[in-house]
Amino acid sequence: MSPEHRRLVIEELEAFQKTAAWAHIQESLDASARAALWSAGRRHPDQIAHANFVAGAVWAFDELRKMPGQLAQALRGTEALAAARAEIEQ
């Protein structure tokens, strides 16, 4: 990825996190996590397997909420490494 493209993607990710669409996605993820936790309180034939499934689902919802910020941070790190390499090579 070129440095220009990387900066554009970072800017777009940061802008996306401020949109109503992202706010709606986060609300949907939160509602899904609450529903999964609510279902964990009910009796199921295989309580342990269900509890593990719910824990995994809640973890996945949390990771999805963090994804745009983590992607932007990873790209910033790549950009910083590229800048440092370019400076060393000079």
PDB file of N, CA and C in Angstrom:
ATOM      1  N   MET A   1       0.860  -1.173   0.000  1.00  0.00           N
ATOM      2  CA  MET A   1       0.000   0.000   0.000  1.00  0.00           C
ATOM      3  C   MET A   1       0.902   1.230   0.000  1.00  0.00           C
ATOM      4  N   SER A   2       0.599   2.150  -0.857  1.00  0.00           N
ATOM      5  CA  SER A   2       1.402   3.372  -0.927  1.00  0.00           C
ATOM      6  C   SER A   2       1.127   4.255   0.295  1.00  0.00           C
ATOM      7  N   PRO A   3       2.080   5.103   0.661  1.00  0.00           N
ATOM      8  CA  PRO A   3       1.858   5.996   1.809  1.00  0.00           C
ATOM      9  C   PRO A   3       0.626   6.887   1.643  1.00  0.00           C
ATOM     10  N   GLU A   4       0.391   7.342   0.429  1.00  0.00           N
ATOM     11  CA  GLU A   4      -0.772   8.200   0.181  1.00  0.00           C
ATOM     12  C   GLU A   4      -2.071   7.431   0.408  1.00  0.00           C
ATOM     13  N   HIS A   5      -2.100   6.207  -0.099  1.00  0.00           N
ATOM     14  CA  HIS A   5      -3.292   5.372   0.070  1.00  0.00           C
ATOM     15  C   HIS A   5      -3.507   5.038   1.545  1.00  0.00           C
ATOM     16  N   ARG A   6      -2.409   4.734   2.257  1.00  0.00           N
ATOM     17  CA  ARG A   6      -2.493   4.436   3.681  1.00  0.00           C
ATOM     18  C   ARG A   6      -3.084   5.626   4.451  1.00  0.00           C
ATOM     19  N   ARG A   7      -2.594   6.842   4.170  1.00  0.00           N
ATOM     20  CA  ARG A   7      -3.124   8.029   4.851  1.00  0.00           C
ATOM     21  C   ARG A   7      -4.600   8.237   4.536  1.00  0.00           C
ATOM     22  N   LEU A   8      -4.987   7.991   3.289  1.00  0.00           N
ATOM     23  CA  LEU A   8      -6.389   8.123   2.900  1.00  0.00           C
ATOM     24  C   LEU A   8      -7.260   7.128   3.668  1.00  0.00           C
ATOM     25  N   VAL A   9      -6.800   5.897   3.785  1.00  0.00           N
ATOM     26  CA  VAL A   9      -7.563   4.875   4.514  1.00  0.00           C
ATOM     27  C   VAL A   9      -7.678   5.255   5.988  1.00  0.00           C
ATOM     28  N   ILE A  10      -6.603   5.740   6.593  1.00  0.00           N
ATOM     29  CA  ILE A  10      -6.647   6.173   7.993  1.00  0.00           C
ATOM     30  C   ILE A  10      -7.679   7.281   8.168  1.00  0.00           C
ATOM     31  N   GLU A  11      -7.643   8.263   7.285  1.00  0.00           N
ATOM     32  CA  GLU A  11      -8.608   9.373   7.356  1.00  0.00           C
ATOM     33  C   GLU A  11     -10.041   8.874   7.205  1.00  0.00           C
ATOM     34  N   GLU A  12     -10.251   7.941   6.276  1.00  0.00           N
ATOM     35  CA  GLU A  12     -11.598   7.413   6.059  1.00  0.00           C
ATOM     36  C   GLU A  12     -12.070   6.589   7.257  1.00  0.00           C
ATOM     37  N   LEU A  13     -11.183   5.812   7.856  1.00  0.00           N
ATOM     38  CA  LEU A  13     -11.554   5.041   9.053  1.00  0.00           C
ATOM     39  C   LEU A  13     -11.914   5.980  10.202  1.00  0.00           C
ATOM     40  N   GLU A  14     -11.116   7.029  10.387  1.00  0.00           N
ATOM     41  CA  GLU A  14     -11.410   7.976  11.456  1.00  0.00           C
ATOM     42  C   GLU A  14     -12.723   8.709  11.202  1.00  0.00           C
ATOM     43  N   ALA A  15     -12.977   9.067   9.950  1.00  0.00           N
ATOM     44  CA  ALA A  15     -14.239   9.737   9.609  1.00  0.00           C
ATOM     45  C   ALA A  15     -15.422   8.782   9.795  1.00  0.00           C
ATOM     46  N   PHE A  16     -15.228   7.515   9.410  1.00  0.00           N
ATOM     47  CA  PHE A  16     -16.294   6.527   9.535  1.00  0.00           C
ATOM     48  C   PHE A  16     -16.734   6.357  10.980  1.00  0.00           C
ATOM     49  N   GLN A  17     -15.767   6.399  11.905  1.00  0.00           N
ATOM     50  CA  GLN A  17     -16.100   6.228  13.321  1.00  0.00           C
ATOM     51  C   GLN A  17     -16.973   7.350  13.858  1.00  0.00           C
ATOM     52  N   LYS A  18     -17.062   8.452  13.128  1.00  0.00           N
ATOM     53  CA  LYS A  18     -17.878   9.596  13.566  1.00  0.00           C
ATOM     54  C   LYS A  18     -19.243   9.633  12.891  1.00  0.00           C
ATOM     55  N   THR A  19     -19.543   8.648  12.053  1.00  0.00           N
ATOM     56  CA  THR A  19     -20.792   8.670  11.292  1.00  0.00           C
ATOM     57  C   THR A  19     -21.961   8.065  12.071  1.00  0.00           C
ATOM     58  N   ALA A  20     -23.149   8.425  11.627  1.00  0.00           N
ATOM     59  CA  ALA A  20     -24.364   7.846  12.207  1.00  0.00           C
ATOM     60  C   ALA A  20     -24.443   6.351  11.889  1.00  0.00           C
ATOM     61  N   ALA A  21     -23.920   5.951  10.738  1.00  0.00           N
ATOM     62  CA  ALA A  21     -23.936   4.533  10.365  1.00  0.00           C
ATOM     63  C   ALA A  21     -23.121   3.716  11.364  1.00  0.00           C
ATOM     64  N   TRP A  22     -21.934   4.203  11.742  1.00  0.00           N
ATOM     65  CA  TRP A  22     -21.120   3.468  12.700  1.00  0.00           C
ATOM     66  C   TRP A  22     -21.792   3.454  14.067  1.00  0.00           C
ATOM     67  N   ALA A  23     -22.411   4.560  14.446  1.00  0.00           N
ATOM     68  CA  ALA A  23     -23.139   4.605  15.723  1.00  0.00           C
ATOM     69  C   ALA A  23     -24.256   3.558  15.717  1.00  0.00           C
ATOM     70  N   HIS A  24     -24.949   3.418  14.588  1.00  0.00           N
ATOM     71  CA  HIS A  24     -26.026   2.427  14.475  1.00  0.00           C
ATOM     72  C   HIS A  24     -25.452   1.004  14.557  1.00  0.00           C
ATOM     73  N   ILE A  25     -24.339   0.779  13.892  1.00  0.00           N
ATOM     74  CA  ILE A  25     -23.713  -0.549  13.950  1.00  0.00           C
ATOM     75  C   ILE A  25     -23.329  -0.878  15.388  1.00  0.00           C
ATOM     76  N   GLN A  26     -22.744   0.083  16.102  1.00  0.00           N
ATOM     77  CA  GLN A  26     -22.366  -0.155  17.493  1.00  0.00           C
ATOM     78  C   GLN A  26     -23.590  -0.454  18.361  1.00  0.00           C
ATOM     79  N   GLU A  27     -24.671   0.282  18.148  1.00  0.00           N
ATOM     80  CA  GLU A  27     -25.898   0.021  18.904  1.00  0.00           C
ATOM     81  C   GLU A  27     -26.419  -1.384  18.619  1.00  0.00           C
ATOM     82  N   SER A  28     -26.352  -1.804  17.360  1.00  0.00           N
ATOM     83  CA  SER A  28     -26.799  -3.148  16.989  1.00  0.00           C
ATOM     84  C   SER A  28     -25.923  -4.213  17.637  1.00  0.00           C
ATOM     85  N   LEU A  29     -24.611  -3.985  17.652  1.00  0.00           N
ATOM     86  CA  LEU A  29     -23.702  -4.932  18.300  1.00  0.00           C
ATOM     87  C   LEU A  29     -23.973  -5.005  19.798  1.00  0.00           C
ATOM     88  N   ASP A  30     -24.208  -3.853  20.411  1.00  0.00           N
ATOM     89  CA  ASP A  30     -24.516  -3.839  21.848  1.00  0.00           C
ATOM     90  C   ASP A  30     -25.809  -4.602  22.137  1.00  0.00           C
ATOM     91  N   ALA A  31     -26.822  -4.375  21.305  1.00  0.00           N
ATOM     92  CA  ALA A  31     -28.100  -5.066  21.495  1.00  0.00           C
ATOM     93  C   ALA A  31     -27.925  -6.572  21.322  1.00  0.00           C
ATOM     94  N   SER A  32     -27.123  -6.970  20.344  1.00  0.00           N
ATOM     95  CA  SER A  32     -26.873  -8.399  20.129  1.00  0.00           C
ATOM     96  C   SER A  32     -26.118  -9.008  21.302  1.00  0.00           C
ATOM     97  N   ALA A  33     -25.155  -8.271  21.843  1.00  0.00           N
ATOM     98  CA  ALA A  33     -24.408  -8.768  23.001  1.00  0.00           C
ATOM     99  C   ALA A  33     -25.327  -8.911  24.205  1.00  0.00           C
ATOM    100  N   ARG A  34     -26.201  -7.918  24.413  1.00  0.00           N
ATOM    101  CA  ARG A  34     -27.154  -8.009  25.535  1.00  0.00           C
ATOM    102  C   ARG A  34     -28.084  -9.200  25.358  1.00  0.00           C
ATOM    103  N   ALA A  35     -28.549  -9.419  24.127  1.00  0.00           N
ATOM    104  CA  ALA A  35     -29.438 -10.560  23.862  1.00  0.00           C
ATOM    105  C   ALA A  35     -28.708 -11.880  24.124  1.00  0.00           C
ATOM    106  N   ALA A  36     -27.450 -11.956  23.731  1.00  0.00           N
ATOM    107  CA  ALA A  36     -26.677 -13.183  23.969  1.00  0.00           C
ATOM    108  C   ALA A  36     -26.500 -13.406  25.467  1.00  0.00           C
ATOM    109  N   LEU A  37     -26.189 -12.346  26.189  1.00  0.00           N
ATOM    110  CA  LEU A  37     -26.029 -12.484  27.642  1.00  0.00           C
ATOM    111  C   LEU A  37     -27.343 -12.864  28.310  1.00  0.00           C
ATOM    112  N   TRP A  38     -28.441 -12.288  27.832  1.00  0.00           N
ATOM    113  CA  TRP A  38     -29.758 -12.608  28.377  1.00  0.00           C
ATOM    114  C   TRP A  38     -30.064 -14.090  28.165  1.00  0.00           C
ATOM    115  N   SER A  39     -29.736 -14.592  26.979  1.00  0.00           N
ATOM    116  CA  SER A  39     -30.014 -16.008  26.695  1.00  0.00           C
ATOM    117  C   SER A  39     -29.138 -16.928  27.543  1.00  0.00           C
ATOM    118  N   ALA A  40     -27.989 -16.426  27.977  1.00  0.00           N
ATOM    119  CA  ALA A  40     -27.108 -17.253  28.810  1.00  0.00           C
ATOM    120  C   ALA A  40     -27.744 -17.552  30.160  1.00  0.00           C
ATOM    121  N   GLY A  41     -28.645 -16.682  30.598  1.00  0.00           N
ATOM    122  CA  GLY A  41     -29.296 -16.887  31.886  1.00  0.00           C
ATOM    123  C   GLY A  41     -30.399 -17.925  31.852  1.00  0.00           C
ATOM    124  N   ARG A  42     -30.820 -18.322  30.666  1.00  0.00           N
ATOM    125  CA  ARG A  42     -31.876 -19.329  30.551  1.00  0.00           C
ATOM    126  C   ARG A  42     -31.270 -20.721  30.622  1.00  0.00           C
ATOM    127  N   ARG A  43     -32.081 -21.667  30.955  1.00  0.00           N
ATOM    128  CA  ARG A  43     -31.607 -23.062  31.029  1.00  0.00           C
ATOM    129  C   ARG A  43     -31.491 -23.635  29.620  1.00  0.00           C
ATOM    130  N   HIS A  44     -30.395 -24.306  29.386  1.00  0.00           N
ATOM    131  CA  HIS A  44     -30.144 -24.971  28.110  1.00  0.00           C
ATOM    132  C   HIS A  44     -29.676 -26.391  28.409  1.00  0.00           C
ATOM    133  N   PRO A  45     -29.957 -27.322  27.494  1.00  0.00           N
ATOM    134  CA  PRO A  45     -29.562 -28.713  27.730  1.00  0.00           C
ATOM    135  C   PRO A  45     -28.052 -28.849  28.000  1.00  0.00           C
ATOM    136  N   ASP A  46     -27.244 -28.092  27.291  1.00  0.00           N
ATOM    137  CA  ASP A  46     -25.794 -28.164  27.479  1.00  0.00           C
ATOM    138  C   ASP A  46     -25.311 -26.781  27.933  1.00  0.00           C
ATOM    139  N   GLN A  47     -25.436 -26.521  29.222  1.00  0.00           N
ATOM    140  CA  GLN A  47     -25.122 -25.201  29.788  1.00  0.00           C
ATOM    141  C   GLN A  47     -23.698 -24.757  29.489  1.00  0.00           C
ATOM    142  N   ILE A  48     -22.733 -25.650  29.608  1.00  0.00           N
ATOM    143  CA  ILE A  48     -21.333 -25.268  29.421  1.00  0.00           C
ATOM    144  C   ILE A  48     -21.071 -24.860  27.977  1.00  0.00           C
ATOM    145  N   ALA A  49     -21.552 -25.648  27.039  1.00  0.00           N
ATOM    146  CA  ALA A  49     -21.351 -25.319  25.625  1.00  0.00           C
ATOM    147  C   ALA A  49     -22.040 -24.004  25.283  1.00  0.00           C
ATOM    148  N   HIS A  50     -23.240 -23.799  25.813  1.00  0.00           N
ATOM    149  CA  HIS A  50     -23.967 -22.568  25.531  1.00  0.00           C
ATOM    150  C   HIS A  50     -23.239 -21.368  26.146  1.00  0.00           C
ATOM    151  N   ALA A  51     -22.758 -21.513  27.372  1.00  0.00           N
ATOM    152  CA  ALA A  51     -22.025 -20.420  28.021  1.00  0.00           C
ATOM    153  C   ALA A  51     -20.766 -20.072  27.231  1.00  0.00           C
ATOM    154  N   ASN A  52     -20.075 -21.085  26.734  1.00  0.00           N
ATOM    155  CA  ASN A  52     -18.882 -20.841  25.922  1.00  0.00           C
ATOM    156  C   ASN A  52     -19.243 -20.131  24.620  1.00  0.00           C
ATOM    157  N   PHE A  53     -20.344 -20.543  24.004  1.00  0.00           N
ATOM    158  CA  PHE A  53     -20.796 -19.896  22.779  1.00  0.00           C
ATOM    159  C   PHE A  53     -21.120 -18.437  23.033  1.00  0.00           C
ATOM    160  N   VAL A  54     -21.855 -18.161  24.108  1.00  0.00           N
ATOM    161  CA  VAL A  54     -22.238 -16.786  24.433  1.00  0.00           C
ATOM    162  C   VAL A  54     -20.996 -15.943  24.724  1.00  0.00           C
ATOM    163  N   ALA A  55     -20.053 -16.493  25.480  1.00  0.00           N
ATOM    164  CA  ALA A  55     -18.821 -15.759  25.773  1.00  0.00           C
ATOM    165  C   ALA A  55     -18.069 -15.427  24.483  1.00  0.00           C
ATOM    166  N   GLY A  56     -18.021 -16.362  23.571  1.00  0.00           N
ATOM    167  CA  GLY A  56     -17.376 -16.111  22.278  1.00  0.00           C
ATOM    168  C   GLY A  56     -18.105 -15.069  21.466  1.00  0.00           C
ATOM    169  N   ALA A  57     -19.433 -15.108  21.492  1.00  0.00           N
ATOM    170  CA  ALA A  57     -20.219 -14.124  20.749  1.00  0.00           C
ATOM    171  C   ALA A  57     -20.003 -12.721  21.312  1.00  0.00           C
ATOM    172  N   VAL A  58     -20.015 -12.593  22.619  1.00  0.00           N
ATOM    173  CA  VAL A  58     -19.816 -11.284  23.239  1.00  0.00           C
ATOM    174  C   VAL A  58     -18.405 -10.772  22.938  1.00  0.00           C
ATOM    175  N   TRP A  59     -17.421 -11.663  22.976  1.00  0.00           N
ATOM    176  CA  TRP A  59     -16.056 -11.271  22.637  1.00  0.00           C
ATOM    177  C   TRP A  59     -16.003 -10.768  21.184  1.00  0.00           C
ATOM    178  N   ALA A  60     -16.664 -11.477  20.267  1.00  0.00           N
ATOM    179  CA  ALA A  60     -16.666 -11.084  18.853  1.00  0.00           C
ATOM    180  C   ALA A  60     -17.341  -9.727  18.661  1.00  0.00           C
ATOM    181  N   PHE A  61     -18.449  -9.493  19.356  1.00  0.00           N
ATOM    182  CA  PHE A  61     -19.122  -8.191  19.254  1.00  0.00           C
ATOM    183  C   PHE A  61     -18.179  -7.079  19.710  1.00  0.00           C
ATOM    184  N   ASP A  62     -17.459  -7.322  20.800  1.00  0.00           N
ATOM    185  CA  ASP A  62     -16.528  -6.323  21.324  1.00  0.00           C
ATOM    186  C   ASP A  62     -15.389  -6.065  20.338  1.00  0.00           C
ATOM    187  N   GLU A  63     -14.868  -7.128  19.745  1.00  0.00           N
ATOM    188  CA  GLU A  63     -13.785  -6.972  18.768  1.00  0.00           C
ATOM    189  C   GLU A  63     -14.252  -6.210  17.533  1.00  0.00           C
ATOM    190  N   LEU A  64     -15.465  -6.470  17.086  1.00  0.00           N
ATOM    191  CA  LEU A  64     -15.998  -5.742  15.927  1.00  0.00           C
ATOM    192  C   LEU A  64     -16.134  -4.251  16.230  1.00  0.00           C
ATOM    193  N   ARG A  65     -16.523  -3.922  17.462  1.00  0.00           N
ATOM    194  CA  ARG A  65     -16.652  -2.510  17.845  1.00  0.00           C
ATOM    195  C   ARG A  65     -15.301  -1.805  17.792  1.00  0.00           C
ATOM    196  N   LYS A  66     -14.229  -2.528  18.095  1.00  0.00           N
ATOM    197  CA  LYS A  66     -12.891  -1.934  18.133  1.00  0.00           C
ATOM    198  C   LYS A  66     -12.211  -1.890  16.760  1.00  0.00           C
ATOM    199  N   MET A  67     -12.744  -2.627  15.798  1.00  0.00           N
ATOM    200  CA  MET A  67     -12.045  -2.851  14.540  1.00  0.00           C
ATOM    201  C   MET A  67     -11.610  -1.585  13.793  1.00  0.00           C
ATOM    202  N   PRO A  68     -12.465  -0.605  13.544  1.00  0.00           N
ATOM    203  CA  PRO A  68     -11.999   0.564  12.790  1.00  0.00           C
ATOM    204  C   PRO A  68     -10.825   1.279  13.469  1.00  0.00           C
ATOM    205  N   GLY A  69     -10.903   1.441  14.768  1.00  0.00           N
ATOM    206  CA  GLY A  69      -9.812   2.092  15.490  1.00  0.00           C
ATOM    207  C   GLY A  69      -8.533   1.274  15.455  1.00  0.00           C
ATOM    208  N   GLN A  70      -8.668  -0.041  15.585  1.00  0.00           N
ATOM    209  CA  GLN A  70      -7.490  -0.907  15.544  1.00  0.00           C
ATOM    210  C   GLN A  70      -6.851  -0.926  14.164  1.00  0.00           C
ATOM    211  N   LEU A  71      -7.677  -0.919  13.120  1.00  0.00           N
ATOM    212  CA  LEU A  71      -7.137  -0.874  11.762  1.00  0.00           C
ATOM    213  C   LEU A  71      -6.383   0.427  11.519  1.00  0.00           C
ATOM    214  N   ALA A  72      -6.972   1.541  11.949  1.00  0.00           N
ATOM    215  CA  ALA A  72      -6.306   2.834  11.788  1.00  0.00           C
ATOM    216  C   ALA A  72      -4.991   2.854  12.565  1.00  0.00           C
ATOM    217  N   GLN A  73      -4.996   2.327  13.779  1.00  0.00           N
ATOM    218  CA  GLN A  73      -3.779   2.290  14.594  1.00  0.00           C
ATOM    219  C   GLN A  73      -2.703   1.425  13.941  1.00  0.00           C
ATOM    220  N   ALA A  74      -3.080   0.291  13.393  1.00  0.00           N
ATOM    221  CA  ALA A  74      -2.120  -0.579  12.715  1.00  0.00           C
ATOM    222  C   ALA A  74      -1.522   0.130  11.499  1.00  0.00           C
ATOM    223  N   LEU A  75      -2.354   0.843  10.763  1.00  0.00           N
ATOM    224  CA  LEU A  75      -1.848   1.583   9.598  1.00  0.00           C
ATOM    225  C   LEU A  75      -0.926   2.721  10.022  1.00  0.00           C
ATOM    226  N   ARG A  76      -1.249   3.391  11.139  1.00  0.00           N
ATOM    227  CA  ARG A  76      -0.360   4.434  11.653  1.00  0.00           C
ATOM    228  C   ARG A  76       0.994   3.837  12.043  1.00  0.00           C
ATOM    229  N   GLY A  77       0.976   2.647  12.645  1.00  0.00           N
ATOM    230  CA  GLY A  77       2.214   1.971  13.001  1.00  0.00           C
ATOM    231  C   GLY A  77       3.037   1.621  11.774  1.00  0.00           C
ATOM    232  N   THR A  78       2.379   1.121  10.743  1.00  0.00           N
ATOM    233  CA  THR A  78       3.056   0.804   9.490  1.00  0.00           C
ATOM    234  C   THR A  78       3.652   2.058   8.880  1.00  0.00           C
ATOM    235  N   GLU A  79       2.904   3.147   8.941  1.00  0.00           N
ATOM    236  CA  GLU A  79       3.375   4.426   8.410  1.00  0.00           C
ATOM    237  C   GLU A  79       4.610   4.912   9.182  1.00  0.00           C
ATOM    238  N   ALA A  80       4.583   4.768  10.498  1.00  0.00           N
ATOM    239  CA  ALA A  80       5.714   5.182  11.318  1.00  0.00           C
ATOM    240  C   ALA A  80       6.953   4.335  11.020  1.00  0.00           C
ATOM    241  N   LEU A  81       6.764   3.025  10.853  1.00  0.00           N
ATOM    242  CA  LEU A  81       7.890   2.153  10.509  1.00  0.00           C
ATOM    243  C   LEU A  81       8.468   2.497   9.145  1.00  0.00           C
ATOM    244  N   ALA A  82       7.610   2.775   8.186  1.00  0.00           N
ATOM    245  CA  ALA A  82       8.079   3.139   6.847  1.00  0.00           C
ATOM    246  C   ALA A  82       8.866   4.448   6.900  1.00  0.00           C
ATOM    247  N   ALA A  83       8.385   5.404   7.694  1.00  0.00           N
ATOM    248  CA  ALA A  83       9.091   6.674   7.831  1.00  0.00           C
ATOM    249  C   ALA A  83      10.447   6.478   8.485  1.00  0.00           C
ATOM    250  N   ALA A  84      10.497   5.619   9.509  1.00  0.00           N
ATOM    251  CA  ALA A  84      11.766   5.350  10.181  1.00  0.00           C
ATOM    252  C   ALA A  84      12.746   4.652   9.258  1.00  0.00           C
ATOM    253  N   ARG A  85      12.258   3.696   8.477  1.00  0.00           N
ATOM    254  CA  ARG A  85      13.132   3.002   7.515  1.00  0.00           C
ATOM    255  C   ARG A  85      13.683   3.981   6.482  1.00  0.00           C
ATOM    256  N   ALA A  86      12.818   4.860   5.988  1.00  0.00           N
ATOM    257  CA  ALA A  86      13.235   5.841   4.989  1.00  0.00           C
ATOM    258  C   ALA A  86      14.299   6.771   5.579  1.00  0.00           C
ATOM    259  N   GLU A  87      14.140   7.125   6.823  1.00  0.00           N
ATOM    260  CA  GLU A  87      15.106   8.002   7.481  1.00  0.00           C
ATOM    261  C   GLU A  87      16.445   7.302   7.674  1.00  0.00           C
ATOM    262  N   ILE A  88      16.408   6.018   8.020  1.00  0.00           N
ATOM    263  CA  ILE A  88      17.635   5.243   8.215  1.00  0.00           C
ATOM    264  C   ILE A  88      18.374   5.093   6.904  1.00  0.00           C
ATOM    265  N   GLU A  89      17.628   4.878   5.831  1.00  0.00           N
ATOM    266  CA  GLU A  89      18.235   4.653   4.515  1.00  0.00           C
ATOM    267  C   GLU A  89      18.863   5.900   3.938  1.00  0.00           C
ATOM    268  N   GLN A  90      18.533   7.061   4.450  1.00  0.00           N
ATOM    269  CA  GLN A  90      19.096   8.300   3.888  1.00  0.00           C
ATOM    270  C   GLN A  90      20.474   8.539   4.343  1.00  0.00           C
TER     271      GLN A  90
END
